[in-house]
PDB file of N, CA and C in Angstrom:
ATOM      1  N   MET A   1     -56.289   6.493  -1.228  1.00  0.00           N
ATOM      2  CA  MET A   1     -55.825   5.165  -1.427  1.00  0.00           C
ATOM      3  C   MET A   1     -55.846   4.441  -0.042  1.00  0.00           C
ATOM      4  N   PRO A   2     -56.458   3.341   0.142  1.00  0.00           N
ATOM      5  CA  PRO A   2     -56.575   2.632   1.365  1.00  0.00           C
ATOM      6  C   PRO A   2     -55.201   1.982   1.782  1.00  0.00           C
ATOM      7  N   LEU A   3     -54.895   1.809   2.969  1.00  0.00           N
ATOM      8  CA  LEU A   3     -53.709   1.078   3.500  1.00  0.00           C
ATOM      9  C   LEU A   3     -54.057  -0.216   3.951  1.00  0.00           C
ATOM     10  N   TYR A   4     -53.454  -1.229   3.316  1.00  0.00           N
ATOM     11  CA  TYR A   4     -53.735  -2.649   3.637  1.00  0.00           C
ATOM     12  C   TYR A   4     -52.419  -3.205   4.207  1.00  0.00           C
ATOM     13  N   ILE A   5     -52.467  -3.631   5.496  1.00  0.00           N
ATOM     14  CA  ILE A   5     -51.314  -4.325   6.101  1.00  0.00           C
ATOM     15  C   ILE A   5     -51.717  -5.711   6.344  1.00  0.00           C
ATOM     16  N   LYS A   6     -50.862  -6.550   5.629  1.00  0.00           N
ATOM     17  CA  LYS A   6     -51.187  -7.945   5.688  1.00  0.00           C
ATOM     18  C   LYS A   6     -50.418  -8.721   6.944  1.00  0.00           C
ATOM     19  N   ASP A   7     -49.387  -8.087   7.320  1.00  0.00           N
ATOM     20  CA  ASP A   7     -48.636  -8.679   8.460  1.00  0.00           C
ATOM     21  C   ASP A   7     -49.314  -8.280   9.786  1.00  0.00           C
ATOM     22  N   ASP A   8     -49.702  -9.289  10.676  1.00  0.00           N
ATOM     23  CA  ASP A   8     -50.402  -8.876  11.909  1.00  0.00           C
ATOM     24  C   ASP A   8     -49.445  -8.165  12.902  1.00  0.00           C
ATOM     25  N   ALA A   9     -48.146  -8.557  12.891  1.00  0.00           N
ATOM     26  CA  ALA A   9     -47.225  -7.827  13.817  1.00  0.00           C
ATOM     27  C   ALA A   9     -47.095  -6.296  13.264  1.00  0.00           C
ATOM     28  N   ILE A  10     -47.009  -6.101  12.086  1.00  0.00           N
ATOM     29  CA  ILE A  10     -47.001  -4.645  11.601  1.00  0.00           C
ATOM     30  C   ILE A  10     -48.184  -3.959  11.849  1.00  0.00           C
ATOM     31  N   ASP A  11     -49.336  -4.628  11.799  1.00  0.00           N
ATOM     32  CA  ASP A  11     -50.641  -4.035  12.089  1.00  0.00           C
ATOM     33  C   ASP A  11     -50.711  -3.660  13.529  1.00  0.00           C
ATOM     34  N   ARG A  12     -50.253  -4.526  14.418  1.00  0.00           N
ATOM     35  CA  ARG A  12     -50.158  -4.287  15.829  1.00  0.00           C
ATOM     36  C   ARG A  12     -49.375  -3.017  16.151  1.00  0.00           C
ATOM     37  N   LEU A  13     -48.199  -2.999  15.469  1.00  0.00           N
ATOM     38  CA  LEU A  13     -47.374  -1.768  15.659  1.00  0.00           C
ATOM     39  C   LEU A  13     -47.967  -0.456  15.213  1.00  0.00           C
ATOM     40  N   ALA A  14     -48.677  -0.542  14.013  1.00  0.00           N
ATOM     41  CA  ALA A  14     -49.289   0.680  13.538  1.00  0.00           C
ATOM     42  C   ALA A  14     -50.442   0.969  14.454  1.00  0.00           C
ATOM     43  N   ARG A  15     -51.251   0.084  14.950  1.00  0.00           N
ATOM     44  CA  ARG A  15     -52.263   0.517  15.920  1.00  0.00           C
ATOM     45  C   ARG A  15     -51.727   1.045  17.191  1.00  0.00           C
ATOM     46  N   ARG A  16     -50.575   0.470  17.649  1.00  0.00           N
ATOM     47  CA  ARG A  16     -49.990   1.027  19.023  1.00  0.00           C
ATOM     48  C   ARG A  16     -49.631   2.515  18.693  1.00  0.00           C
ATOM     49  N   TYR A  17     -48.946   2.636  17.549  1.00  0.00           N
ATOM     50  CA  TYR A  17     -48.476   3.986  17.183  1.00  0.00           C
ATOM     51  C   TYR A  17     -49.597   4.988  17.037  1.00  0.00           C
ATOM     52  N   GLN A  18     -50.624   4.539  16.421  1.00  0.00           N
ATOM     53  CA  GLN A  18     -51.852   5.290  16.298  1.00  0.00           C
ATOM     54  C   GLN A  18     -52.413   5.759  17.653  1.00  0.00           C
ATOM     55  N   ALA A  19     -52.526   4.821  18.606  1.00  0.00           N
ATOM     56  CA  ALA A  19     -52.944   5.054  19.934  1.00  0.00           C
ATOM     57  C   ALA A  19     -52.099   6.046  20.576  1.00  0.00           C
ATOM     58  N   LEU A  20     -50.800   5.854  20.565  1.00  0.00           N
ATOM     59  CA  LEU A  20     -49.799   6.752  21.267  1.00  0.00           C
ATOM     60  C   LEU A  20     -49.906   8.057  20.660  1.00  0.00           C
ATOM     61  N   THR A  21     -49.910   8.285  19.365  1.00  0.00           N
ATOM     62  CA  THR A  21     -49.959   9.674  18.656  1.00  0.00           C
ATOM     63  C   THR A  21     -51.361  10.162  18.566  1.00  0.00           C
ATOM     64  N   LYS A  22     -52.239   9.476  18.981  1.00  0.00           N
ATOM     65  CA  LYS A  22     -53.799   9.860  18.963  1.00  0.00           C
ATOM     66  C   LYS A  22     -54.164  10.248  17.438  1.00  0.00           C
ATOM     67  N   SER A  23     -53.501   9.459  16.633  1.00  0.00           N
ATOM     68  CA  SER A  23     -53.802   9.735  15.150  1.00  0.00           C
ATOM     69  C   SER A  23     -55.158   9.314  14.883  1.00  0.00           C
ATOM     70  N   PRO A  24     -55.848  10.037  14.021  1.00  0.00           N
ATOM     71  CA  PRO A  24     -57.319   9.608  13.698  1.00  0.00           C
ATOM     72  C   PRO A  24     -57.481   8.348  12.933  1.00  0.00           C
ATOM     73  N   THR A  25     -56.383   7.987  12.150  1.00  0.00           N
ATOM     74  CA  THR A  25     -56.464   6.662  11.426  1.00  0.00           C
ATOM     75  C   THR A  25     -55.175   5.987  11.466  1.00  0.00           C
ATOM     76  N   LYS A  26     -55.162   4.773  11.107  1.00  0.00           N
ATOM     77  CA  LYS A  26     -54.006   3.860  11.009  1.00  0.00           C
ATOM     78  C   LYS A  26     -53.095   4.439   9.942  1.00  0.00           C
ATOM     79  N   THR A  27     -53.714   4.938   8.906  1.00  0.00           N
ATOM     80  CA  THR A  27     -52.924   5.383   7.641  1.00  0.00           C
ATOM     81  C   THR A  27     -52.177   6.592   8.144  1.00  0.00           C
ATOM     82  N   GLU A  28     -52.892   7.474   8.930  1.00  0.00           N
ATOM     83  CA  GLU A  28     -52.140   8.722   9.333  1.00  0.00           C
ATOM     84  C   GLU A  28     -50.994   8.390  10.262  1.00  0.00           C
ATOM     85  N   ALA A  29     -51.145   7.427  11.178  1.00  0.00           N
ATOM     86  CA  ALA A  29     -50.126   6.992  12.110  1.00  0.00           C
ATOM     87  C   ALA A  29     -48.924   6.471  11.368  1.00  0.00           C
ATOM     88  N   VAL A  30     -49.185   5.665  10.315  1.00  0.00           N
ATOM     89  CA  VAL A  30     -48.108   5.149   9.470  1.00  0.00           C
ATOM     90  C   VAL A  30     -47.408   6.293   8.678  1.00  0.00           C
ATOM     91  N   ARG A  31     -48.183   7.270   8.218  1.00  0.00           N
ATOM     92  CA  ARG A  31     -47.558   8.425   7.560  1.00  0.00           C
ATOM     93  C   ARG A  31     -46.631   9.259   8.476  1.00  0.00           C
ATOM     94  N   LEU A  32     -47.126   9.425   9.742  1.00  0.00           N
ATOM     95  CA  LEU A  32     -46.312  10.147  10.740  1.00  0.00           C
ATOM     96  C   LEU A  32     -45.121   9.364  11.193  1.00  0.00           C
ATOM     97  N   ALA A  33     -45.236   8.130  11.342  1.00  0.00           N
ATOM     98  CA  ALA A  33     -44.009   7.318  11.713  1.00  0.00           C
ATOM     99  C   ALA A  33     -43.006   7.412  10.530  1.00  0.00           C
ATOM    100  N   LEU A  34     -43.456   7.147   9.264  1.00  0.00           N
ATOM    101  CA  LEU A  34     -42.503   7.191   8.119  1.00  0.00           C
ATOM    102  C   LEU A  34     -41.854   8.653   8.017  1.00  0.00           C
ATOM    103  N   GLN A  35     -42.650   9.619   8.181  1.00  0.00           N
ATOM    104  CA  GLN A  35     -42.247  11.003   8.045  1.00  0.00           C
ATOM    105  C   GLN A  35     -41.057  11.292   9.172  1.00  0.00           C
ATOM    106  N   LYS A  36     -41.372  10.812  10.382  1.00  0.00           N
ATOM    107  CA  LYS A  36     -40.456  10.932  11.414  1.00  0.00           C
ATOM    108  C   LYS A  36     -39.040  10.159  11.261  1.00  0.00           C
ATOM    109  N   ALA A  37     -39.184   8.919  10.640  1.00  0.00           N
ATOM    110  CA  ALA A  37     -38.106   8.161  10.327  1.00  0.00           C
ATOM    111  C   ALA A  37     -37.326   8.799   9.281  1.00  0.00           C
ATOM    112  N   LEU A  38     -37.968   9.300   8.234  1.00  0.00           N
ATOM    113  CA  LEU A  38     -37.265   9.932   7.103  1.00  0.00           C
ATOM    114  C   LEU A  38     -36.552  11.197   7.582  1.00  0.00           C
ATOM    115  N   ASP A  39     -37.135  11.985   8.325  1.00  0.00           N
ATOM    116  CA  ASP A  39     -36.569  13.210   8.926  1.00  0.00           C
ATOM    117  C   ASP A  39     -35.301  12.862   9.700  1.00  0.00           C
ATOM    118  N   GLU A  40     -35.372  11.873  10.574  1.00  0.00           N
ATOM    119  CA  GLU A  40     -34.139  11.485  11.300  1.00  0.00           C
ATOM    120  C   GLU A  40     -33.077  10.980  10.435  1.00  0.00           C
ATOM    121  N   GLU A  41     -33.349  10.231   9.397  1.00  0.00           N
ATOM    122  CA  GLU A  41     -32.392   9.772   8.437  1.00  0.00           C
ATOM    123  C   GLU A  41     -31.737  10.913   7.595  1.00  0.00           C
ATOM    124  N   LEU A  42     -32.527  11.902   7.156  1.00  0.00           N
ATOM    125  CA  LEU A  42     -32.085  13.069   6.492  1.00  0.00           C
ATOM    126  C   LEU A  42     -31.232  14.039   7.279  1.00  0.00           C
ATOM    127  N   THR A  43     -31.325  13.996   8.642  1.00  0.00           N
ATOM    128  CA  THR A  43     -30.657  14.810   9.575  1.00  0.00           C
ATOM    129  C   THR A  43     -29.345  14.193  10.048  1.00  0.00           C
ATOM    130  N   LYS A  44     -29.227  12.912   9.812  1.00  0.00           N
ATOM    131  CA  LYS A  44     -27.939  12.225  10.218  1.00  0.00           C
ATOM    132  C   LYS A  44     -26.695  12.758   9.347  1.00  0.00           C
ATOM    133  N   PRO A  45     -25.632  12.963  10.110  1.00  0.00           N
ATOM    134  CA  PRO A  45     -24.500  13.428   9.265  1.00  0.00           C
ATOM    135  C   PRO A  45     -24.009  12.195   8.363  1.00  0.00           C
ATOM    136  N   ALA A  46     -23.444  12.525   7.205  1.00  0.00           N
ATOM    137  CA  ALA A  46     -22.870  11.593   6.216  1.00  0.00           C
ATOM    138  C   ALA A  46     -21.671  10.896   6.952  1.00  0.00           C
ATOM    139  N   LEU A  47     -21.478   9.695   6.543  1.00  0.00           N
ATOM    140  CA  LEU A  47     -20.351   8.960   7.044  1.00  0.00           C
ATOM    141  C   LEU A  47     -19.014   9.703   6.875  1.00  0.00           C
ATOM    142  N   ALA A  48     -18.852  10.427   5.710  1.00  0.00           N
ATOM    143  CA  ALA A  48     -17.608  11.299   5.582  1.00  0.00           C
ATOM    144  C   ALA A  48     -17.542  12.291   6.589  1.00  0.00           C
ATOM    145  N   GLU A  49     -18.598  12.993   6.989  1.00  0.00           N
ATOM    146  CA  GLU A  49     -18.625  13.988   8.020  1.00  0.00           C
ATOM    147  C   GLU A  49     -18.215  13.432   9.372  1.00  0.00           C
ATOM    148  N   VAL A  50     -18.686  12.306   9.654  1.00  0.00           N
ATOM    149  CA  VAL A  50     -18.426  11.590  10.875  1.00  0.00           C
ATOM    150  C   VAL A  50     -16.881  11.269  10.959  1.00  0.00           C
ATOM    151  N   ALA A  51     -16.423  10.724   9.794  1.00  0.00           N
ATOM    152  CA  ALA A  51     -14.961  10.425   9.738  1.00  0.00           C
ATOM    153  C   ALA A  51     -14.106  11.580   9.939  1.00  0.00           C
ATOM    154  N   VAL A  52     -14.371  12.656   9.233  1.00  0.00           N
ATOM    155  CA  VAL A  52     -13.605  13.859   9.331  1.00  0.00           C
ATOM    156  C   VAL A  52     -13.647  14.560  10.784  1.00  0.00           C
ATOM    157  N   ALA A  53     -14.726  14.479  11.441  1.00  0.00           N
ATOM    158  CA  ALA A  53     -14.843  14.949  12.765  1.00  0.00           C
ATOM    159  C   ALA A  53     -14.046  13.932  13.734  1.00  0.00           C
ATOM    160  N   PHE A  54     -14.023  12.640  13.484  1.00  0.00           N
ATOM    161  CA  PHE A  54     -13.346  11.848  14.395  1.00  0.00           C
ATOM    162  C   PHE A  54     -11.820  12.146  14.174  1.00  0.00           C
ATOM    163  N   CYS A  55     -11.357  12.353  12.950  1.00  0.00           N
ATOM    164  CA  CYS A  55      -9.912  12.600  12.664  1.00  0.00           C
ATOM    165  C   CYS A  55      -9.520  13.874  13.321  1.00  0.00           C
ATOM    166  N   ARG A  56     -10.330  14.877  13.199  1.00  0.00           N
ATOM    167  CA  ARG A  56     -10.057  16.243  13.822  1.00  0.00           C
ATOM    168  C   ARG A  56      -9.906  16.047  15.267  1.00  0.00           C
ATOM    169  N   ASN A  57     -10.771  15.235  15.944  1.00  0.00           N
ATOM    170  CA  ASN A  57     -10.819  15.143  17.375  1.00  0.00           C
ATOM    171  C   ASN A  57      -9.565  14.308  17.777  1.00  0.00           C
ATOM    172  N   LEU A  58      -9.288  13.384  17.045  1.00  0.00           N
ATOM    173  CA  LEU A  58      -7.979  12.516  17.289  1.00  0.00           C
ATOM    174  C   LEU A  58      -6.751  13.459  17.174  1.00  0.00           C
ATOM    175  N   ARG A  59      -6.644  14.236  16.102  1.00  0.00           N
ATOM    176  CA  ARG A  59      -5.641  15.111  15.953  1.00  0.00           C
ATOM    177  C   ARG A  59      -5.399  16.130  17.244  1.00  0.00           C
ATOM    178  N   ARG A  60      -6.629  16.717  17.590  1.00  0.00           N
ATOM    179  CA  ARG A  60      -6.592  17.579  18.781  1.00  0.00           C
ATOM    180  C   ARG A  60      -5.937  16.885  19.989  1.00  0.00           C
ATOM    181  N   LYS A  61      -6.452  15.602  20.219  1.00  0.00           N
ATOM    182  CA  LYS A  61      -5.934  14.946  21.400  1.00  0.00           C
ATOM    183  C   LYS A  61      -4.573  14.590  21.215  1.00  0.00           C
ATOM    184  N   ALA A  62      -4.111  14.291  20.068  1.00  0.00           N
ATOM    185  CA  ALA A  62      -2.617  13.988  19.799  1.00  0.00           C
ATOM    186  C   ALA A  62      -1.796  15.294  19.958  1.00  0.00           C
ATOM    187  N   ASP A  63      -2.237  16.405  19.495  1.00  0.00           N
ATOM    188  CA  ASP A  63      -1.602  17.689  19.785  1.00  0.00           C
ATOM    189  C   ASP A  63      -1.536  18.143  21.180  1.00  0.00           C
ATOM    190  N   ALA A  64      -2.657  17.884  21.863  1.00  0.00           N
ATOM    191  CA  ALA A  64      -2.738  18.214  23.311  1.00  0.00           C
ATOM    192  C   ALA A  64      -1.724  17.388  24.134  1.00  0.00           C
ATOM    193  N   LYS A  65      -1.637  16.093  23.783  1.00  0.00           N
ATOM    194  CA  LYS A  65      -0.758  15.205  24.442  1.00  0.00           C
ATOM    195  C   LYS A  65       0.700  15.476  24.094  1.00  0.00           C
ATOM    196  N   SER A  66       0.978  15.726  22.845  1.00  0.00           N
ATOM    197  CA  SER A  66       2.417  16.115  22.551  1.00  0.00           C
ATOM    198  C   SER A  66       2.704  17.467  23.215  1.00  0.00           C
ATOM    199  N   GLY A  67       1.841  18.381  23.308  1.00  0.00           N
ATOM    200  CA  GLY A  67       2.048  19.674  24.031  1.00  0.00           C
ATOM    201  C   GLY A  67       2.416  19.366  25.413  1.00  0.00           C
ATOM    202  N   ASN A  68       1.668  18.505  26.102  1.00  0.00           N
ATOM    203  CA  ASN A  68       1.879  18.207  27.471  1.00  0.00           C
ATOM    204  C   ASN A  68       3.197  17.529  27.695  1.00  0.00           C
ATOM    205  N   ASP A  69       3.512  16.540  26.756  1.00  0.00           N
ATOM    206  CA  ASP A  69       4.972  15.900  26.879  1.00  0.00           C
ATOM    207  C   ASP A  69       6.077  16.906  26.761  1.00  0.00           C
ATOM    208  N   SER A  70       5.955  17.847  25.814  1.00  0.00           N
ATOM    209  CA  SER A  70       7.055  18.756  25.654  1.00  0.00           C
ATOM    210  C   SER A  70       7.155  19.701  26.936  1.00  0.00           C
ATOM    211  N   ALA A  71       6.035  19.986  27.539  1.00  0.00           N
ATOM    212  CA  ALA A  71       6.080  20.796  28.821  1.00  0.00           C
ATOM    213  C   ALA A  71       6.752  19.988  29.889  1.00  0.00           C
ATOM    214  N   GLU A  72       6.546  18.713  29.972  1.00  0.00           N
ATOM    215  CA  GLU A  72       7.166  17.792  30.956  1.00  0.00           C
ATOM    216  C   GLU A  72       8.658  17.729  30.812  1.00  0.00           C
ATOM    217  N   VAL A  73       9.040  17.570  29.461  1.00  0.00           N
ATOM    218  CA  VAL A  73      10.541  17.430  29.188  1.00  0.00           C
ATOM    219  C   VAL A  73      11.190  18.726  29.581  1.00  0.00           C
ATOM    220  N   SER A  74      10.593  19.756  29.297  1.00  0.00           N
ATOM    221  CA  SER A  74      11.404  21.162  29.452  1.00  0.00           C
ATOM    222  C   SER A  74      11.269  21.565  30.966  1.00  0.00           C
ATOM    223  N   ALA A  75      10.533  20.924  31.759  1.00  0.00           N
ATOM    224  CA  ALA A  75      10.339  21.270  33.192  1.00  0.00           C
ATOM    225  C   ALA A  75      11.393  20.698  34.051  1.00  0.00           C
TER     226      ALA A  75
END
């Protein structure tokens, strides 16, 4: 199935990517770009995972700080 790009700016981007990746066709360049973008999106952590990691890190910092404060008080 042929790839028709009607937007000149998108066509220029596709041709630039084709040249950079040395893809044989513009269609292959677009396929590679889309696959790369999709792979990046799929490997991103979910928002919930980011939030949990943030909270754990915040808790560790709070625990470390309260541990330092209690050491100063007892000294």
